[in-house]
């Protein structure tokens, strides 16, 4: 089950975390979070979107 959601709307990147439970984070959760952050950094470095610096 996916727990981390990455989306871009109107040039604003959002990472949403939803594991269905409060404070229940496992290694899979952090793996997904790292993937989302890597994607964000790739979008930022490729100037795909405008991010404040």
Protein backbone atom coordinates (compact mmCIF):
# COMPACT_ATOMS: atom_id res chain seq x y z
CA UNK A 1 0.00 0.00 0.00
CA UNK A 2 1.39 3.37 -1.03
CA UNK A 3 1.91 5.80 1.85
CA UNK A 4 3.67 8.78 0.25
CA UNK A 5 2.13 10.83 -2.56
CA UNK A 6 4.00 13.36 -4.70
CA UNK A 7 2.19 15.78 -6.96
CA UNK A 8 2.70 19.14 -8.60
CA UNK A 9 -0.08 21.65 -9.13
CA UNK A 10 0.44 25.14 -10.54
CA UNK A 11 4.21 24.73 -10.18
CA UNK A 12 3.92 23.87 -6.47
CA UNK A 13 5.28 20.48 -5.43
CA UNK A 14 3.54 18.66 -2.58
CA UNK A 15 4.52 15.53 -0.68
CA UNK A 16 1.61 14.04 1.26
CA UNK A 17 2.14 11.35 3.90
CA UNK A 18 -0.73 9.00 4.72
CA UNK A 19 -0.06 5.73 6.46
CA UNK A 20 -3.53 5.48 7.97
CA UNK A 21 -2.13 5.41 11.49
CA UNK A 22 -0.66 8.05 13.76
CA UNK A 23 3.11 7.83 14.21
CA UNK A 24 3.39 4.44 12.49
CA UNK A 25 6.42 4.71 10.22
CA UNK A 26 8.37 1.70 9.01
CA UNK A 27 11.29 1.21 6.63
CA UNK A 28 8.93 1.10 3.63
CA UNK A 29 7.52 4.49 4.64
CA UNK A 30 11.00 6.03 4.70
CA UNK A 31 11.93 4.37 1.39
CA UNK A 32 8.88 5.98 -0.23
CA UNK A 33 9.68 9.32 1.38
CA UNK A 34 13.25 9.20 0.03
CA UNK A 35 11.92 8.40 -3.46
CA UNK A 36 9.56 11.40 -3.30
CA UNK A 37 12.36 13.70 -2.15
CA UNK A 38 14.64 12.39 -4.91
CA UNK A 39 11.89 13.10 -7.44
CA UNK A 40 11.43 16.61 -6.05
CA UNK A 41 15.15 17.29 -6.28
CA UNK A 42 15.22 15.97 -9.85
CA UNK A 43 12.33 18.23 -10.83
CA UNK A 44 14.01 21.19 -9.17
CA UNK A 45 17.43 20.59 -10.72
CA UNK A 46 15.90 20.10 -14.15
CA UNK A 47 14.10 23.44 -13.83
CA UNK A 48 10.85 21.65 -14.58
CA UNK A 49 9.12 23.76 -11.98
CA UNK A 50 9.94 27.03 -10.28
CA UNK A 51 10.81 26.56 -6.64
CA UNK A 52 11.81 29.30 -4.22
CA UNK A 53 15.49 29.07 -3.34
